Protein backbone atom coordinates (compact mmCIF):
# COMPACT_ATOMS: atom_id res chain seq x y z
CA MET A 1 -5.32 193.61 -85.52
CA ILE A 2 -4.39 197.27 -84.86
CA LEU A 3 -3.20 197.60 -88.45
CA ILE A 4 -6.54 196.27 -89.75
CA ILE A 5 -8.41 198.78 -87.57
CA GLY A 6 -6.23 201.57 -88.96
CA TRP A 7 -6.78 200.56 -92.58
CA PHE A 8 -10.52 200.23 -91.91
CA GLY A 9 -10.57 203.82 -90.65
CA THR A 10 -8.58 204.95 -93.68
CA PHE A 11 -11.06 203.26 -96.01
CA LEU A 12 -14.06 204.86 -94.27
CA TYR A 13 -12.49 208.32 -94.32
CA LEU A 14 -11.78 207.99 -98.03
CA ILE A 15 -15.34 206.91 -98.78
CA GLY A 16 -16.70 209.90 -96.86
CA HIS A 17 -14.23 212.33 -98.39
CA ALA A 18 -14.92 211.07 -101.91
CA TYR A 19 -18.62 211.38 -101.15
CA ILE A 20 -18.45 215.14 -100.46
CA SER A 21 -15.77 215.76 -103.08
CA LEU A 22 -17.60 214.08 -105.94
CA LYS A 23 -21.28 214.57 -105.09
CA GLN A 24 -22.85 217.97 -105.55
CA HIS A 25 -25.71 217.29 -103.11
CA TRP A 26 -24.60 215.21 -100.14
CA HIS A 27 -26.23 214.32 -96.83
CA LYS A 28 -24.46 215.67 -93.78
CA ASN A 29 -25.35 212.77 -91.47
CA THR A 30 -23.86 210.27 -93.92
CA TYR A 31 -20.61 212.23 -94.14
CA TYR A 32 -20.28 212.82 -90.40
CA THR A 33 -21.09 209.18 -89.57
CA PHE A 34 -18.29 207.99 -91.86
CA ASN A 35 -15.95 210.52 -90.22
CA LEU A 36 -16.92 209.48 -86.69
CA VAL A 37 -16.26 205.77 -87.19
CA ALA A 38 -13.12 206.43 -89.24
CA ALA A 39 -11.72 208.84 -86.64
CA ILE A 40 -12.26 206.38 -83.78
CA SER A 41 -10.51 203.65 -85.78
CA LEU A 42 -7.53 205.87 -86.54
CA ILE A 43 -7.26 207.08 -82.95
CA ILE A 44 -6.83 203.46 -81.89
CA SER A 45 -4.15 202.71 -84.48
CA SER A 46 -2.39 206.07 -84.03
CA VAL A 47 -2.14 205.73 -80.23
CA TYR A 48 -0.55 202.34 -80.81
CA ASN A 49 2.00 203.98 -83.17
CA ALA A 50 2.49 207.03 -80.88
CA SER A 51 1.56 209.23 -83.85
CA TRP A 52 0.29 212.15 -81.79
CA GLN A 53 -0.64 214.60 -84.55
CA ALA A 54 -2.96 211.95 -85.99
CA VAL A 55 -4.43 211.29 -82.52
CA VAL A 56 -5.18 215.00 -82.01
CA VAL A 57 -6.73 215.50 -85.46
CA ASN A 58 -8.91 212.42 -85.21
CA SER A 59 -9.99 213.24 -81.64
CA PHE A 60 -11.10 216.68 -82.80
CA TRP A 61 -12.97 215.13 -85.74
CA VAL A 62 -14.76 212.77 -83.32
CA ILE A 63 -15.94 215.72 -81.23
CA ILE A 64 -17.15 217.76 -84.22
CA SER A 65 -18.80 214.74 -85.86
CA VAL A 66 -20.65 213.77 -82.66
CA LEU A 67 -21.85 217.35 -82.16
CA LEU A 68 -23.17 217.53 -85.70
CA LEU A 69 -24.82 214.12 -85.51
CA LEU A 70 -26.56 215.38 -82.36
CA ASN A 71 -27.75 218.36 -84.44
CA VAL A 72 -25.73 220.91 -82.47
CA ASN A 73 -25.62 224.13 -84.48
CA LEU A 74 -21.99 225.11 -84.99
CA THR A 75 -22.72 228.14 -87.16
CA SER A 76 -22.63 230.39 -84.10
CA THR A 77 -19.09 229.35 -83.18
CA LYS A 78 -16.88 232.36 -82.50
CA PHE A 79 -13.91 230.97 -84.44
CA THR A 80 -13.53 232.89 -87.71
CA VAL A 81 -11.56 232.49 -90.91
CA ARG A 82 -9.56 235.58 -89.95
CA GLN A 83 -8.55 233.98 -86.63
CA TYR A 84 -7.68 230.82 -88.50
CA TYR A 85 -5.23 232.71 -90.70
CA TRP A 86 -3.57 234.52 -87.78
CA ILE A 87 -2.94 231.25 -85.95
CA PHE A 88 -1.83 229.54 -89.17
CA PHE A 89 0.75 232.24 -89.93
CA ALA A 90 2.02 232.15 -86.33
CA LEU A 91 2.53 228.39 -86.61
CA VAL A 92 4.29 228.76 -89.95
CA ALA A 93 6.58 231.44 -88.47
CA ASN A 94 7.39 229.07 -85.60
CA PHE A 95 8.13 226.30 -88.09
CA VAL A 96 10.51 228.53 -90.06
CA ILE A 97 12.29 229.75 -86.91
CA GLN A 98 12.62 226.22 -85.47
CA SER A 99 13.90 224.89 -88.79
CA LEU A 100 16.49 227.67 -89.02
CA LEU A 101 17.62 227.17 -85.42
CA LYS A 102 17.96 223.41 -85.90
CA ASN A 103 19.47 223.86 -89.37
CA GLN A 104 17.01 221.25 -90.67
CA LEU A 105 13.29 221.01 -91.30
CA ASP A 106 11.34 220.68 -88.07
CA LEU A 107 9.02 217.85 -89.13
CA ALA A 108 7.18 217.78 -85.82
CA SER A 109 6.25 221.48 -86.17
CA LEU A 110 5.16 220.89 -89.76
CA GLY A 111 3.03 217.98 -88.55
CA TRP A 112 1.40 220.20 -85.90
CA ILE A 113 0.66 222.83 -88.55
CA ALA A 114 -1.10 220.12 -90.56
CA ALA A 115 -2.99 218.95 -87.46
CA TYR A 116 -4.13 222.51 -86.82
CA VAL A 117 -5.20 223.04 -90.44
CA PHE A 118 -7.14 219.76 -90.57
CA SER A 119 -8.95 220.55 -87.32
CA ALA A 120 -9.58 224.25 -87.91
CA VAL A 121 -10.87 223.93 -91.46
CA TYR A 122 -13.07 220.98 -90.44
CA LEU A 123 -14.63 223.22 -87.80
CA LEU A 124 -14.99 226.17 -90.20
CA PHE A 125 -16.46 223.94 -92.92
CA SER A 126 -18.82 222.22 -90.47
CA ALA A 127 -19.90 225.61 -89.11
CA GLU A 128 -20.60 226.70 -92.71
CA LYS A 129 -17.95 229.42 -92.51
CA MET A 130 -15.79 227.95 -95.28
CA LEU A 131 -16.88 227.00 -98.79
CA PRO A 132 -16.35 223.35 -99.78
CA ARG A 133 -13.77 224.22 -102.45
CA TYR A 134 -11.57 226.10 -99.93
CA TYR A 135 -12.02 223.31 -97.40
CA LEU A 136 -10.73 220.89 -100.04
CA LEU A 137 -7.78 223.12 -100.96
CA TRP A 138 -6.69 223.40 -97.34
CA ASN A 139 -7.05 219.63 -97.01
CA ILE A 140 -4.54 219.18 -99.84
CA PHE A 141 -2.04 221.30 -97.94
CA ALA A 142 -2.64 219.57 -94.59
CA ALA A 143 -2.46 216.07 -96.06
CA LEU A 144 0.85 216.75 -97.80
CA ALA A 145 2.33 218.63 -94.82
CA LEU A 146 1.60 215.71 -92.49
CA LEU A 147 3.28 213.08 -94.69
CA PRO A 148 6.90 213.55 -93.46
CA GLN A 149 5.93 213.10 -89.80
CA LEU A 150 3.76 210.08 -90.60
CA TRP A 151 6.73 208.56 -92.45
CA VAL A 152 8.92 209.05 -89.38
CA ASP A 153 6.16 207.59 -87.16
CA GLN A 154 5.69 204.70 -89.63
CA ASN A 155 1.94 205.24 -89.34
CA TRP A 156 1.16 203.58 -92.68
CA PRO A 157 -2.67 203.59 -92.53
CA VAL A 158 -2.72 207.35 -91.96
CA PHE A 159 0.13 207.88 -94.46
CA GLY A 160 -1.90 206.03 -97.11
CA LEU A 161 -4.95 208.02 -96.10
CA GLU A 162 -3.18 211.35 -96.54
CA VAL A 163 -1.82 210.52 -100.00
CA SER A 164 -5.29 209.49 -101.14
CA TRP A 165 -6.89 212.40 -99.27
CA ALA A 166 -4.73 214.93 -101.12
CA ILE A 167 -5.61 213.38 -104.50
CA ILE A 168 -9.35 213.25 -103.78
CA SER A 169 -9.26 216.79 -102.38
CA ALA A 170 -7.50 218.08 -105.50
CA TYR A 171 -10.03 216.42 -107.77
CA GLY A 172 -12.94 217.67 -105.68
CA ALA A 173 -11.56 221.22 -105.50
CA ILE A 174 -11.15 221.35 -109.28
CA ARG A 175 -14.74 220.16 -109.71
CA LYS A 176 -16.04 222.67 -107.15
CA PHE A 177 -14.26 225.54 -108.92
CA GLU A 178 -15.67 224.40 -112.27
CA GLN A 179 -19.18 224.21 -110.79
CA ALA A 180 -18.83 227.73 -109.36
CA HIS A 181 -18.71 229.08 -112.91
CA LEU A 182 -21.77 227.22 -114.19
CA ILE A 183 -24.96 229.15 -114.81
CA ASN A 184 -28.11 227.32 -113.69
């Protein structure tokens, strides 16, 4: 039953992500409703698998989605793209140091970098501080960076989600960059 709940969440996330990646004019409530239900489903399956990065990311997405569905204005959030980059580079430095000290890739640190990226860019995008094409590009990175830890955790619904998420994000980002050069 837990596996079915996880795959249901994966399916809903992919529908929502394809919706914003492929549609030029999309409705925010539709997107955030898909994300809310998907995130709750994946929290349930990820807790069962003790896949903590996935639990954190999906919990954050629940909070942001609920706030936006309640029409809370996130545009005044104090978190900036510049702060995002500082924290990102600090996490990457930690990953490199930990990997060197352990003489192997620190998959848990890489997974936490992905969790941070997913959460931070979702907030920046939802607060209208990040363009959709950059949101999609960062989602490619986060999805691929999380895969090794999900493999170790054997969290197959989220693993399948991230593979598909990266593909949809890449396609959407390419389309968004092409649309940026069109003259109305």
